[in-house]
Amino acid sequence: MSERSERSEQVVRAGKLDAADELAGVRSRFVLDDVVYLDGNSLGALPAHVPGRVEDVVRRQWGELRIRSWEESGWWTAPERIGDRIAPLVGAAAGQIVVGDSTSVNVFKALVAAVRMAGAGGRRDEIVVDATTFPTDGYIAESAARLTGCALRPVAPADVPAVLGDRTAAVLLNHVDYRTGRLHDLPSLTSAIHAAGAVSVWDLCHSAGALPVGLDEHGVDLAVGCTYKYLNGGPGSPAYFYVRRELQDRFDSPLPGWNSHAEPFGMRAAYEPAAGALRGRVGTPDILSMLALEAALEVWEGVSVESVRAKSLALTDFFLECVTSYVPEGRVESLTPGAHAERGSQVALRCDDAGDVMKRLVEWGVVGDFRAPDVLRFGFTPLYVGFGDVERAARVLGETVAGAA
């Protein structure tokens, strides 16, 4: 088949897939242009109604109501209210998620609390961490280990069951590998962690909003995640923290703050933790970014995570097929698993001159990102990425690497 006929075939296929896409209408809820935006795994696109909502928060709630907005505009209850809005997207019932702080701060809270909950008279003195984790998680895990007197044991996720034992206190794992897009087996790994008597901590940054998580269903103990990727909350939007209901009365935060006190305005010298997931709060909420996030989450109205997952797999399948059709053989290598059960919502391609290639892709209107030393990452947000976008991205990639050869 000629190059032109291959292109024609893929363009036709993209058109048919877009015509049959049940989520196609959601795209209009975002601010987009003619750029193919495949970096939603770093920063999601702007939901179109968010600027107006933020303006109301600034001009009316802050500008006119001022201090009254803590009660009249619901500022005080925003962390748990927005947490309840995130809950169905990660498979959790209400009352188990609180929004606030950064992912890094929440990882620290979760790990130290997990070690404290594991207890066992100090015999559990080891923290197992994903050896391929995002660097910050590793830094935080190392610090938490020093603070709690634990040894840190970095292990590839697939090898975790083999190293668990009666010394294991906590295990910190990523649901999806940030570099390769590999989806790890949360149900079986959580089960293995529990069988060893340890506490599970999952980082959901690259899975929440892209695929079903099932926190309650699979008995996850603690989980954290950011909101600026597939949840489209905006740059630096606050993270969230999940504490399984059965563990909430045992959750002992290493960062007790006045916002998590049982009587926050009592200004008592002694700390008494609030009931429930509110124990995960620390200081005053970041109201502007938090309410922007709350508005952004409205794009999920009428959208199921299952439909998002189905489209995500179809998008990544189609992208890999188009890459095979358009990219000269041997120029790129996929690091992302082919099996659906092992794939998140991104495709990572190894390319010798990846940094320069990504710069040229951006110049030609295809935005992904580069991870040193040689990885091109393309994130597929099903709420606003279409199959025509996918075909164009792969075609421009093929033209770019062919021109650079």
Protein backbone atom coordinates (compact mmCIF):
# COMPACT_ATOMS: atom_id res chain seq x y z
CA MET A 1 0.00 0.00 0.00
CA SER A 2 1.35 3.44 -0.89
CA GLU A 3 2.03 6.10 1.71
CA ARG A 4 -0.78 8.25 0.30
CA SER A 5 -3.34 5.44 0.39
CA GLU A 6 -2.30 4.53 3.95
CA ARG A 7 -2.90 8.12 4.99
CA SER A 8 -6.24 8.19 3.23
CA GLU A 9 -7.31 5.00 4.96
CA GLN A 10 -6.37 6.29 8.41
CA VAL A 11 -8.09 9.64 7.81
CA VAL A 12 -11.28 7.83 6.82
CA ARG A 13 -11.05 5.58 9.88
CA ALA A 14 -10.53 8.60 12.14
CA GLY A 15 -13.63 10.24 10.70
CA LYS A 16 -15.76 7.16 11.31
CA LEU A 17 -14.46 6.76 14.86
CA ASP A 18 -15.15 10.41 15.65
CA ALA A 19 -18.67 10.13 14.22
CA ALA A 20 -19.38 7.18 16.52
CA ASP A 21 -17.76 8.74 19.60
CA GLU A 22 -20.35 9.12 22.41
CA LEU A 23 -18.04 11.57 24.22
CA ALA A 24 -17.48 13.83 21.21
CA GLY A 25 -19.87 16.47 22.53
CA VAL A 26 -17.89 16.90 25.74
CA ARG A 27 -15.10 18.54 23.74
CA SER A 28 -17.16 21.73 23.48
CA ARG A 29 -16.93 22.14 27.25
CA PHE A 30 -13.23 23.06 26.92
CA VAL A 31 -11.23 25.99 25.58
CA LEU A 32 -9.36 24.50 22.62
CA ASP A 33 -7.84 25.65 19.34
CA ASP A 34 -6.42 23.92 16.27
CA VAL A 35 -3.47 22.52 18.22
CA VAL A 36 -3.48 18.78 18.91
CA TYR A 37 -3.09 18.82 22.68
CA LEU A 38 -1.67 15.54 23.98
CA ASP A 39 -0.18 16.81 27.23
CA GLY A 40 -3.21 16.47 29.46
CA ASN A 41 -1.20 13.99 31.53
CA SER A 42 0.80 17.04 32.65
CA LEU A 43 -1.79 19.83 32.55
CA GLY A 44 -5.40 19.41 31.50
CA ALA A 45 -7.14 21.85 29.18
CA LEU A 46 -9.25 24.71 30.53
CA PRO A 47 -12.98 23.98 30.97
CA ALA A 48 -14.78 26.86 29.27
CA HIS A 49 -16.94 27.90 32.22
CA VAL A 50 -14.12 28.12 34.79
CA PRO A 51 -13.02 31.74 34.08
CA GLY A 52 -16.51 33.05 34.77
CA ARG A 53 -16.77 31.04 37.97
CA VAL A 54 -13.39 32.26 39.20
CA GLU A 55 -14.40 35.83 38.40
CA ASP A 56 -17.47 35.38 40.60
CA VAL A 57 -15.32 34.01 43.43
CA VAL A 58 -12.96 36.98 43.18
CA ARG A 59 -15.40 39.81 42.51
CA ARG A 60 -18.48 38.80 44.49
CA GLN A 61 -17.48 36.21 47.07
CA TRP A 62 -14.17 37.81 47.99
CA GLY A 63 -14.79 41.38 46.80
CA GLU A 64 -18.29 41.88 48.20
CA LEU A 65 -19.04 39.21 50.78
CA ARG A 66 -15.46 39.07 52.04
CA ILE A 67 -15.19 37.14 55.34
CA ARG A 68 -18.86 36.15 55.14
CA SER A 69 -18.02 33.81 52.26
CA TRP A 70 -16.47 31.26 54.60
CA GLU A 71 -20.03 30.41 55.57
CA GLU A 72 -22.34 31.99 53.00
CA SER A 73 -20.36 30.81 49.95
CA GLY A 74 -19.36 27.47 51.46
CA TRP A 75 -15.62 28.12 51.57
CA TRP A 76 -15.18 26.30 54.85
CA THR A 77 -16.68 23.03 53.63
CA ALA A 78 -15.03 23.12 50.20
CA PRO A 79 -12.30 20.51 50.93
CA GLU A 80 -14.73 17.73 51.77
CA ARG A 81 -17.46 18.89 49.36
CA ILE A 82 -15.06 18.77 46.42
CA GLY A 83 -13.64 15.52 47.75
CA ASP A 84 -17.10 14.00 47.49
CA ARG A 85 -17.24 15.20 43.88
CA ILE A 86 -13.96 13.44 43.08
CA ALA A 87 -14.96 10.28 44.94
CA PRO A 88 -17.03 8.61 42.16
CA LEU A 89 -14.20 9.20 39.70
CA VAL A 90 -11.89 7.01 41.79
CA GLY A 91 -14.48 4.51 42.99
CA ALA A 92 -15.02 5.82 46.51
CA ALA A 93 -18.12 6.52 48.56
CA ALA A 94 -18.62 9.99 50.00
CA GLY A 95 -16.90 11.03 53.21
CA GLN A 96 -13.48 9.54 52.48
CA ILE A 97 -11.70 12.21 50.42
CA VAL A 98 -10.53 15.64 51.43
CA VAL A 99 -9.04 18.15 48.97
CA GLY A 100 -6.07 20.31 49.85
CA ASP A 101 -2.29 20.66 49.89
CA SER A 102 -0.05 19.26 47.15
CA THR A 103 0.43 15.63 46.16
CA SER A 104 3.87 15.70 47.77
CA VAL A 105 2.50 16.90 51.11
CA ASN A 106 -0.26 14.30 50.98
CA VAL A 107 2.22 11.51 50.19
CA PHE A 108 4.15 12.54 53.30
CA LYS A 109 1.03 12.55 55.46
CA ALA A 110 -0.06 9.18 54.07
CA LEU A 111 3.27 7.40 54.50
CA VAL A 112 3.96 8.55 58.05
CA ALA A 113 0.37 7.82 59.07
CA ALA A 114 0.61 4.39 57.40
CA VAL A 115 3.69 3.49 59.44
CA ARG A 116 1.93 4.64 62.60
CA MET A 117 -1.14 2.56 61.76
CA ALA A 118 0.95 -0.53 60.93
CA GLY A 119 2.30 -0.41 64.48
CA ALA A 120 3.14 -3.97 65.56
CA GLY A 121 5.23 -2.69 68.48
CA GLY A 122 7.85 -1.18 66.23
CA ARG A 123 8.63 -4.50 64.55
CA ARG A 124 7.33 -3.20 61.24
CA ASP A 125 10.24 -1.00 60.28
CA GLU A 126 10.36 -1.07 56.50
CA ILE A 127 8.74 1.10 53.82
CA VAL A 128 8.53 -0.40 50.34
CA VAL A 129 8.44 2.14 47.52
CA ASP A 130 7.99 1.86 43.76
CA ALA A 131 11.54 1.96 42.39
CA THR A 132 10.28 3.55 39.16
CA THR A 133 8.23 6.20 40.96
CA PHE A 134 8.02 9.88 40.12
CA PRO A 135 11.12 11.37 41.80
CA THR A 136 9.24 13.42 44.40
CA ASP A 137 7.48 10.34 45.76
CA GLY A 138 10.90 8.78 46.24
CA TYR A 139 12.25 11.86 47.99
CA ILE A 140 9.25 11.98 50.32
CA ALA A 141 9.46 8.25 51.03
CA GLU A 142 13.13 8.57 51.97
CA SER A 143 12.37 11.44 54.32
CA ALA A 144 9.39 9.62 55.85
CA ALA A 145 11.62 6.57 56.42
CA ARG A 146 14.20 8.68 58.26
CA LEU A 147 11.51 10.34 60.35
CA THR A 148 9.87 7.06 61.39
CA GLY A 149 13.07 5.05 61.83
CA CYS A 150 12.23 2.74 58.94
CA ALA A 151 14.42 1.28 56.25
CA LEU A 152 13.45 2.22 52.68
CA ARG A 153 13.22 -0.57 50.13
CA PRO A 154 12.81 0.48 46.47
CA VAL A 155 11.29 -2.35 44.43
CA ALA A 156 9.77 -2.66 40.96
CA PRO A 157 5.98 -2.98 41.38
CA ALA A 158 5.88 -6.47 39.87
CA ASP A 159 8.38 -7.64 42.51
CA VAL A 160 6.55 -6.18 45.50
CA PRO A 161 4.72 -9.38 46.60
CA ALA A 162 8.03 -11.24 46.85
CA VAL A 163 9.58 -8.75 49.32
CA LEU A 164 6.62 -8.26 51.65
CA GLY A 165 6.88 -9.65 55.14
CA ASP A 166 6.31 -9.09 58.84
CA ARG A 167 8.68 -6.11 58.79
CA THR A 168 6.76 -4.26 56.08
CA ALA A 169 4.88 -1.26 57.45
CA ALA A 170 3.75 0.60 54.34
CA VAL A 171 3.93 0.29 50.58
CA LEU A 172 3.81 3.31 48.25
CA LEU A 173 3.02 2.56 44.61
CA ASN A 174 1.99 4.47 41.48
CA HIS A 175 -1.14 3.25 39.74
CA VAL A 176 0.28 4.30 36.36
CA ASP A 177 3.98 4.79 35.65
CA TYR A 178 4.51 8.44 34.75
CA ARG A 179 7.24 7.67 32.22
CA THR A 180 5.99 4.61 30.34
CA GLY A 181 2.23 4.71 30.90
CA ARG A 182 2.25 1.18 32.35
CA LEU A 183 -0.81 0.43 34.48
CA HIS A 184 0.03 -1.56 37.59
CA ASP A 185 -2.28 -4.19 39.08
CA LEU A 186 -3.85 -2.28 41.97
CA PRO A 187 -6.25 -5.05 43.05
CA SER A 188 -3.71 -7.86 43.33
CA LEU A 189 -0.93 -5.68 44.77
CA THR A 190 -3.27 -4.23 47.40
CA SER A 191 -4.37 -7.75 48.31
CA ALA A 192 -0.75 -8.87 48.69
CA ILE A 193 0.04 -5.86 50.87
CA HIS A 194 -2.89 -6.61 53.15
CA ALA A 195 -1.97 -10.29 53.34
CA ALA A 196 1.40 -9.20 54.72
CA GLY A 197 -0.28 -7.00 57.33
CA ALA A 198 0.99 -3.74 55.81
CA VAL A 199 -0.78 -0.53 54.80
CA SER A 200 -1.22 0.37 51.12
CA VAL A 201 -0.66 3.89 49.78
CA TRP A 202 -1.45 4.53 46.11
CA ASP A 203 -0.49 7.53 43.98
CA LEU A 204 -3.29 8.08 41.45
CA CYS A 205 -1.87 11.12 39.64
CA HIS A 206 -1.77 9.43 36.22
CA SER A 207 -4.92 7.34 36.52
CA ALA A 208 -7.70 9.35 38.17
CA GLY A 209 -9.98 10.74 35.48
CA ALA A 210 -8.61 8.39 32.82
CA LEU A 211 -9.66 4.95 34.03
CA PRO A 212 -11.58 3.18 36.82
CA VAL A 213 -9.65 2.93 40.08
CA GLY A 214 -11.97 1.14 42.52
CA LEU A 215 -10.56 2.38 45.83
CA ASP A 216 -13.43 1.04 47.92
CA GLU A 217 -13.92 -2.12 45.90
CA HIS A 218 -10.29 -3.18 46.27
CA GLY A 219 -9.84 -2.11 49.89
CA VAL A 220 -7.15 0.50 49.31
CA ASP A 221 -6.10 2.04 52.63
CA LEU A 222 -4.76 5.46 51.66
CA ALA A 223 -4.49 7.20 48.30
CA VAL A 224 -3.38 10.57 46.98
CA GLY A 225 -3.52 12.30 43.65
CA CYS A 226 -3.26 15.60 41.83
CA THR A 227 -6.15 17.34 40.08
CA TYR A 228 -4.45 19.26 37.29
CA LYS A 229 -3.97 16.36 34.86
CA TYR A 230 -6.98 14.33 33.73
CA LEU A 231 -9.23 16.18 36.20
CA ASN A 232 -8.43 19.52 34.51
CA GLY A 233 -8.32 21.55 37.72
CA GLY A 234 -5.73 24.06 36.52
CA PRO A 235 -2.03 24.68 37.19
CA GLY A 236 -1.16 23.92 40.79
CA SER A 237 -4.73 22.99 41.69
CA PRO A 238 -4.93 21.29 45.10
CA ALA A 239 -4.42 17.57 45.48
CA TYR A 240 -6.72 15.12 47.27
CA PHE A 241 -6.29 12.58 50.02
CA TYR A 242 -8.34 9.39 50.49
CA VAL A 243 -8.61 7.65 53.86
CA ARG A 244 -10.63 4.44 53.85
CA ARG A 245 -13.59 4.79 56.19
CA GLU A 246 -12.59 1.85 58.39
CA LEU A 247 -9.22 3.48 59.09
CA GLN A 248 -10.33 7.03 59.75
CA ASP A 249 -10.45 6.75 63.53
CA ARG A 250 -6.86 5.41 63.49
CA PHE A 251 -5.46 7.96 61.04
CA ASP A 252 -2.77 9.91 62.90
CA SER A 253 -1.59 12.77 60.72
CA PRO A 254 2.02 13.91 61.06
CA LEU A 255 0.81 17.41 60.12
CA PRO A 256 -1.99 18.23 62.56
CA GLY A 257 -3.33 21.68 61.83
CA TRP A 258 -6.10 23.88 63.08
CA ASN A 259 -8.24 22.96 60.09
CA SER A 260 -8.26 19.30 61.12
CA HIS A 261 -9.02 20.02 64.78
CA ALA A 262 -12.31 18.75 66.19
CA GLU A 263 -13.01 22.31 67.30
CA PRO A 264 -11.01 24.51 64.91
CA PHE A 265 -12.22 27.81 66.33
CA GLY A 266 -11.78 26.72 69.92
CA MET A 267 -8.10 27.67 69.66
CA ARG A 268 -7.18 25.04 72.22
CA ALA A 269 -3.55 24.27 73.03
CA ALA A 270 -4.16 20.51 72.90
CA TYR A 271 -4.83 18.89 69.54
CA GLU A 272 -7.94 16.75 69.14
CA PRO A 273 -8.46 15.40 65.60
CA ALA A 274 -11.75 15.87 63.83
CA ALA A 275 -13.80 12.84 62.89
CA GLY A 276 -13.57 11.27 59.46
CA ALA A 277 -11.54 12.30 56.45
CA LEU A 278 -11.32 15.86 57.79
CA ARG A 279 -8.28 14.60 59.71
CA GLY A 280 -6.44 14.93 56.41
CA ARG A 281 -6.84 18.73 56.43
CA VAL A 282 -3.99 20.89 57.71
CA GLY A 283 -4.17 24.65 57.20
CA THR A 284 -6.41 27.21 55.55
CA PRO A 285 -7.70 25.96 52.17
CA ASP A 286 -6.49 27.55 48.93
CA ILE A 287 -9.90 28.92 48.07
CA LEU A 288 -9.26 30.44 44.62
CA SER A 289 -7.67 27.32 43.14
CA MET A 290 -9.97 25.01 45.06
CA LEU A 291 -13.14 26.61 43.71
CA ALA A 292 -11.67 26.69 40.20
CA LEU A 293 -11.23 22.93 40.59
CA GLU A 294 -14.80 22.54 41.80
CA ALA A 295 -16.05 24.33 38.70
CA ALA A 296 -13.78 22.27 36.45
CA LEU A 297 -15.19 19.02 37.79
CA GLU A 298 -18.60 19.95 36.36
CA VAL A 299 -17.40 18.77 32.93
CA TRP A 300 -17.90 15.24 34.30
CA GLU A 301 -21.68 15.64 34.53
CA GLY A 302 -23.26 12.84 32.55
CA VAL A 303 -19.89 11.19 31.85
CA SER A 304 -18.98 7.75 33.20
CA VAL A 305 -15.42 6.70 33.95
CA GLU A 306 -16.12 3.45 32.09
CA SER A 307 -16.91 5.32 28.86
CA VAL A 308 -13.75 7.39 29.32
CA ARG A 309 -11.70 4.22 29.74
CA ALA A 310 -13.19 2.64 26.62
CA LYS A 311 -12.37 5.71 24.54
CA SER A 312 -8.90 5.99 26.08
CA LEU A 313 -8.02 2.48 24.98
CA ALA A 314 -9.46 3.12 21.51
CA LEU A 315 -7.45 6.35 21.18
CA THR A 316 -4.17 4.78 22.26
CA ASP A 317 -4.77 1.72 20.07
CA PHE A 318 -5.41 3.95 17.07
CA PHE A 319 -2.38 6.12 17.81
CA LEU A 320 -0.10 3.08 17.95
CA GLU A 321 -1.56 1.81 14.66
CA CYS A 322 -1.03 5.20 13.00
CA VAL A 323 2.53 5.40 14.33
CA THR A 324 3.23 2.02 12.74
CA SER A 325 1.79 3.31 9.45
CA TYR A 326 3.45 6.73 9.37
CA VAL A 327 6.74 6.54 11.26
CA PRO A 328 9.77 5.06 9.46
CA GLU A 329 10.66 1.66 10.84
CA GLY A 330 13.22 1.72 13.63
CA ARG A 331 12.88 5.42 14.45
CA VAL A 332 10.72 5.00 17.56
CA GLU A 333 10.04 2.22 20.05
CA SER A 334 6.92 2.04 22.20
CA LEU A 335 7.57 1.71 25.93
CA THR A 336 3.86 1.46 26.66
CA PRO A 337 2.41 -2.04 27.05
CA GLY A 338 0.22 -3.28 24.22
CA ALA A 339 -2.10 -5.17 26.56
CA HIS A 340 -5.09 -3.10 27.64
CA ALA A 341 -4.88 -4.40 31.20
CA GLU A 342 -1.39 -2.92 31.50
CA ARG A 343 -1.92 0.44 29.80
CA GLY A 344 -2.90 3.80 31.25
CA SER A 345 -3.98 6.71 29.03
CA GLN A 346 -0.63 7.71 27.57
CA VAL A 347 1.82 6.37 25.02
CA ALA A 348 5.55 6.71 25.57
CA LEU A 349 7.87 6.35 22.60
CA ARG A 350 11.64 6.03 22.84
CA CYS A 351 13.37 8.15 20.21
CA ASP A 352 17.09 8.91 19.94
CA ASP A 353 16.64 12.65 19.44
CA ALA A 354 13.43 12.93 21.44
CA GLY A 355 14.08 16.43 22.80
CA ASP A 356 14.55 17.97 19.37
CA VAL A 357 11.69 15.95 17.90
CA MET A 358 9.25 17.22 20.52
CA LYS A 359 10.31 20.82 19.90
CA ARG A 360 9.56 20.38 16.20
CA LEU A 361 6.23 18.67 16.94
CA VAL A 362 5.16 21.63 19.07
CA GLU A 363 6.14 24.00 16.25
CA TRP A 364 3.86 22.00 13.94
CA GLY A 365 0.92 22.11 16.34
CA VAL A 366 1.23 18.78 18.14
CA VAL A 367 1.89 19.19 21.86
CA GLY A 368 3.19 16.29 23.91
CA ASP A 369 6.18 16.32 26.23
CA PHE A 370 9.74 15.06 26.55
CA ARG A 371 11.29 13.11 29.40
CA ALA A 372 15.06 12.81 29.48
CA PRO A 373 16.95 11.21 28.03
CA ASP A 374 14.94 9.82 25.11
CA VAL A 375 11.19 9.58 25.78
CA LEU A 376 8.32 11.24 23.93
CA ARG A 377 5.14 11.19 26.02
CA PHE A 378 1.66 11.62 24.57
CA GLY A 379 -1.28 11.83 26.97
CA PHE A 380 -4.81 11.13 25.73
CA THR A 381 -7.61 12.87 27.61
CA PRO A 382 -10.79 11.27 26.23
CA LEU A 383 -12.98 14.21 27.25
CA TYR A 384 -11.49 16.42 24.55
CA VAL A 385 -9.10 14.41 22.34
CA GLY A 386 -10.59 12.99 19.16
CA PHE A 387 -9.48 10.36 16.67
CA GLY A 388 -8.75 13.01 14.05
CA ASP A 389 -6.31 14.53 16.54
CA VAL A 390 -4.67 11.15 16.94
CA GLU A 391 -4.23 10.60 13.21
CA ARG A 392 -2.77 14.09 12.75
CA ALA A 393 -0.36 13.68 15.66
CA ALA A 394 1.01 10.38 14.34
CA ARG A 395 1.27 11.76 10.80
CA VAL A 396 3.19 14.85 11.93
CA LEU A 397 5.41 12.65 14.07
CA GLY A 398 6.19 10.48 11.06
CA GLU A 399 6.99 13.51 8.89
CA THR A 400 9.15 15.01 11.64
CA VAL A 401 11.33 11.98 12.32
CA ALA A 402 11.60 11.21 8.60
CA GLY A 403 12.87 14.74 7.99
CA ALA A 404 15.36 14.39 10.82
CA ALA A 405 16.76 11.08 9.60
